[in-house]
Amino acid sequence: MYVEAKKNNYFTNPKNFFIMNKAELIDAIASGADLTKADAKKALDAFIKSTTGALKKGDRVALVGFGSFSVAKRNARTGRNPQTGKPITIKAKNVVKFKAGSDLADAVQ
């Protein structure tokens, strides 16, 4: 179920995209699922904690139709300091990736 929020409550970035913050997401979950805001906050916090824990272990979190979260290793590489132009070494690190599912991708088109 899609819950439309008031655009004048969103923050905008320089490209004028509307950005939903955590409090607005909690409001949308609460009204869409007929929950109290406290219960919606607990549900969102539990989702974030569970997803973070799974990704820390290197697992993949797949929500059919919505998308999947995974961890990928980004190798060390050489970059440039934008102020001086001198080469710098950027350390290897793990990054979180999100791949949109077909239902989400179709809904956004």
C-alpha atoms as a PDB file:
ATOM      1  CA  MET A   1       0.000   0.000   0.000  1.00  0.00           C
ATOM      2  CA  TYR A   2       1.395   3.378  -0.981  1.00  0.00           C
ATOM      3  CA  VAL A   3       0.874   6.158   1.484  1.00  0.00           C
ATOM      4  CA  GLU A   4       1.306   9.620   0.009  1.00  0.00           C
ATOM      5  CA  ALA A   5       2.883  12.078   2.387  1.00  0.00           C
ATOM      6  CA  LYS A   6       2.614  15.838   2.217  1.00  0.00           C
ATOM      7  CA  LYS A   7       5.359  17.215  -0.007  1.00  0.00           C
ATOM      8  CA  ASN A   8       5.628  20.404   2.014  1.00  0.00           C
ATOM      9  CA  ASN A   9       6.858  18.325   4.977  1.00  0.00           C
ATOM     10  CA  TYR A  10       9.823  16.931   3.056  1.00  0.00           C
ATOM     11  CA  PHE A  11      13.289  18.402   2.923  1.00  0.00           C
ATOM     12  CA  THR A  12      14.621  19.122  -0.556  1.00  0.00           C
ATOM     13  CA  ASN A  13      18.121  18.733  -1.888  1.00  0.00           C
ATOM     14  CA  PRO A  14      19.756  21.017  -4.494  1.00  0.00           C
ATOM     15  CA  LYS A  15      18.119  19.074  -7.352  1.00  0.00           C
ATOM     16  CA  ASN A  16      14.669  19.643  -5.788  1.00  0.00           C
ATOM     17  CA  PHE A  17      14.053  15.967  -5.062  1.00  0.00           C
ATOM     18  CA  PHE A  18      11.908  15.417  -2.016  1.00  0.00           C
ATOM     19  CA  ILE A  19      13.636  13.504   0.772  1.00  0.00           C
ATOM     20  CA  MET A  20      11.658  11.513   3.324  1.00  0.00           C
ATOM     21  CA  ASN A  21      13.358  11.378   6.712  1.00  0.00           C
ATOM     22  CA  LYS A  22      12.989   8.668   9.365  1.00  0.00           C
ATOM     23  CA  ALA A  23      10.181  10.429  11.262  1.00  0.00           C
ATOM     24  CA  GLU A  24       8.159  10.842   8.054  1.00  0.00           C
ATOM     25  CA  LEU A  25       8.738   7.190   7.164  1.00  0.00           C
ATOM     26  CA  ILE A  26       7.478   6.184  10.614  1.00  0.00           C
ATOM     27  CA  ASP A  27       4.364   8.339  10.065  1.00  0.00           C
ATOM     28  CA  ALA A  28       3.772   6.712   6.675  1.00  0.00           C
ATOM     29  CA  ILE A  29       4.203   3.192   8.097  1.00  0.00           C
ATOM     30  CA  ALA A  30       1.887   3.978  11.017  1.00  0.00           C
ATOM     31  CA  SER A  31      -0.900   5.304   8.807  1.00  0.00           C
ATOM     32  CA  GLY A  32      -0.438   2.657   6.097  1.00  0.00           C
ATOM     33  CA  ALA A  33      -0.454  -0.306   8.488  1.00  0.00           C
ATOM     34  CA  ASP A  34      -2.890   1.147  11.038  1.00  0.00           C
ATOM     35  CA  LEU A  35      -0.246   1.124  13.779  1.00  0.00           C
ATOM     36  CA  THR A  36       0.643   3.623  16.440  1.00  0.00           C
ATOM     37  CA  LYS A  37       3.723   5.717  15.748  1.00  0.00           C
ATOM     38  CA  ALA A  38       5.485   3.959  18.634  1.00  0.00           C
ATOM     39  CA  ASP A  39       4.780   0.521  17.119  1.00  0.00           C
ATOM     40  CA  ALA A  40       5.827   1.705  13.658  1.00  0.00           C
ATOM     41  CA  LYS A  41       9.089   3.055  15.123  1.00  0.00           C
ATOM     42  CA  LYS A  42       9.739  -0.283  16.857  1.00  0.00           C
ATOM     43  CA  ALA A  43       9.084  -2.153  13.600  1.00  0.00           C
ATOM     44  CA  LEU A  44      11.381   0.112  11.571  1.00  0.00           C
ATOM     45  CA  ASP A  45      14.129  -0.032  14.214  1.00  0.00           C
ATOM     46  CA  ALA A  46      13.864  -3.841  14.299  1.00  0.00           C
ATOM     47  CA  PHE A  47      14.115  -3.986  10.497  1.00  0.00           C
ATOM     48  CA  ILE A  48      17.184  -1.744  10.494  1.00  0.00           C
ATOM     49  CA  LYS A  49      18.851  -3.708  13.304  1.00  0.00           C
ATOM     50  CA  SER A  50      18.136  -7.084  11.682  1.00  0.00           C
ATOM     51  CA  THR A  51      19.305  -5.946   8.255  1.00  0.00           C
ATOM     52  CA  THR A  52      22.466  -4.380   9.677  1.00  0.00           C
ATOM     53  CA  GLY A  53      23.272  -7.562  11.617  1.00  0.00           C
ATOM     54  CA  ALA A  54      22.805  -9.757   8.570  1.00  0.00           C
ATOM     55  CA  LEU A  55      24.953  -7.506   6.379  1.00  0.00           C
ATOM     56  CA  LYS A  56      27.704  -7.391   9.029  1.00  0.00           C
ATOM     57  CA  LYS A  57      27.867 -11.191   8.826  1.00  0.00           C
ATOM     58  CA  GLY A  58      28.129 -10.965   5.032  1.00  0.00           C
ATOM     59  CA  ASP A  59      24.613 -12.271   4.401  1.00  0.00           C
ATOM     60  CA  ARG A  60      22.277 -10.993   1.713  1.00  0.00           C
ATOM     61  CA  VAL A  61      18.843  -9.607   2.651  1.00  0.00           C
ATOM     62  CA  ALA A  62      16.265 -10.185  -0.093  1.00  0.00           C
ATOM     63  CA  LEU A  63      12.747  -8.755  -0.031  1.00  0.00           C
ATOM     64  CA  VAL A  64      10.994 -10.278  -3.041  1.00  0.00           C
ATOM     65  CA  GLY A  65       9.604  -7.579  -5.297  1.00  0.00           C
ATOM     66  CA  PHE A  66      11.232  -4.752  -3.331  1.00  0.00           C
ATOM     67  CA  GLY A  67      14.946  -5.489  -3.676  1.00  0.00           C
ATOM     68  CA  SER A  68      17.994  -6.963  -2.041  1.00  0.00           C
ATOM     69  CA  PHE A  69      20.773  -5.617   0.143  1.00  0.00           C
ATOM     70  CA  SER A  70      24.236  -7.162  -0.072  1.00  0.00           C
ATOM     71  CA  VAL A  71      27.836  -6.410   0.863  1.00  0.00           C
ATOM     72  CA  ALA A  72      30.556  -6.043  -1.749  1.00  0.00           C
ATOM     73  CA  LYS A  73      34.276  -5.559  -1.234  1.00  0.00           C
ATOM     74  CA  ARG A  74      35.707  -2.439  -2.810  1.00  0.00           C
ATOM     75  CA  ASN A  75      39.418  -2.908  -3.545  1.00  0.00           C
ATOM     76  CA  ALA A  76      42.073  -0.377  -2.581  1.00  0.00           C
ATOM     77  CA  ARG A  77      42.726   2.143  -5.298  1.00  0.00           C
ATOM     78  CA  THR A  78      44.640   5.294  -6.079  1.00  0.00           C
ATOM     79  CA  GLY A  79      42.779   8.574  -6.137  1.00  0.00           C
ATOM     80  CA  ARG A  80      43.705  12.231  -6.289  1.00  0.00           C
ATOM     81  CA  ASN A  81      43.508  14.900  -3.629  1.00  0.00           C
ATOM     82  CA  PRO A  82      41.149  17.433  -5.256  1.00  0.00           C
ATOM     83  CA  GLN A  83      42.953  20.405  -3.667  1.00  0.00           C
ATOM     84  CA  THR A  84      46.536  19.481  -4.484  1.00  0.00           C
ATOM     85  CA  GLY A  85      46.165  16.971  -7.310  1.00  0.00           C
ATOM     86  CA  LYS A  86      48.587  14.623  -5.552  1.00  0.00           C
ATOM     87  CA  PRO A  87      47.879  10.882  -5.669  1.00  0.00           C
ATOM     88  CA  ILE A  88      46.490   9.312  -2.499  1.00  0.00           C
ATOM     89  CA  THR A  89      45.752   5.721  -1.581  1.00  0.00           C
ATOM     90  CA  ILE A  90      42.122   4.916  -0.826  1.00  0.00           C
ATOM     91  CA  LYS A  91      41.822   1.901   1.492  1.00  0.00           C
ATOM     92  CA  ALA A  92      39.834  -1.212   0.629  1.00  0.00           C
ATOM     93  CA  LYS A  93      36.480  -1.431   2.362  1.00  0.00           C
ATOM     94  CA  ASN A  94      33.152  -3.197   2.365  1.00  0.00           C
ATOM     95  CA  VAL A  95      30.193  -1.295   0.901  1.00  0.00           C
ATOM     96  CA  VAL A  96      26.465  -1.966   1.030  1.00  0.00           C
ATOM     97  CA  LYS A  97      24.731  -2.439  -2.307  1.00  0.00           C
ATOM     98  CA  PHE A  98      21.015  -2.296  -3.043  1.00  0.00           C
ATOM     99  CA  LYS A  99      19.470  -3.815  -6.147  1.00  0.00           C
ATOM    100  CA  ALA A 100      15.858  -2.887  -6.776  1.00  0.00           C
ATOM    101  CA  GLY A 101      13.403  -5.725  -7.329  1.00  0.00           C
ATOM    102  CA  SER A 102      11.146  -5.927 -10.346  1.00  0.00           C
ATOM    103  CA  ASP A 103       8.016  -4.644  -8.575  1.00  0.00           C
ATOM    104  CA  LEU A 104       9.839  -1.587  -7.233  1.00  0.00           C
ATOM    105  CA  ALA A 105      11.544  -0.909 -10.554  1.00  0.00           C
ATOM    106  CA  ASP A 106       8.211  -1.147 -12.409  1.00  0.00           C
ATOM    107  CA  ALA A 107       6.465   1.130  -9.907  1.00  0.00           C
ATOM    108  CA  VAL A 108       9.107   3.844 -10.266  1.00  0.00           C
ATOM    109  CA  GLN A 109       9.087   3.935 -14.076  1.00  0.00           C
END
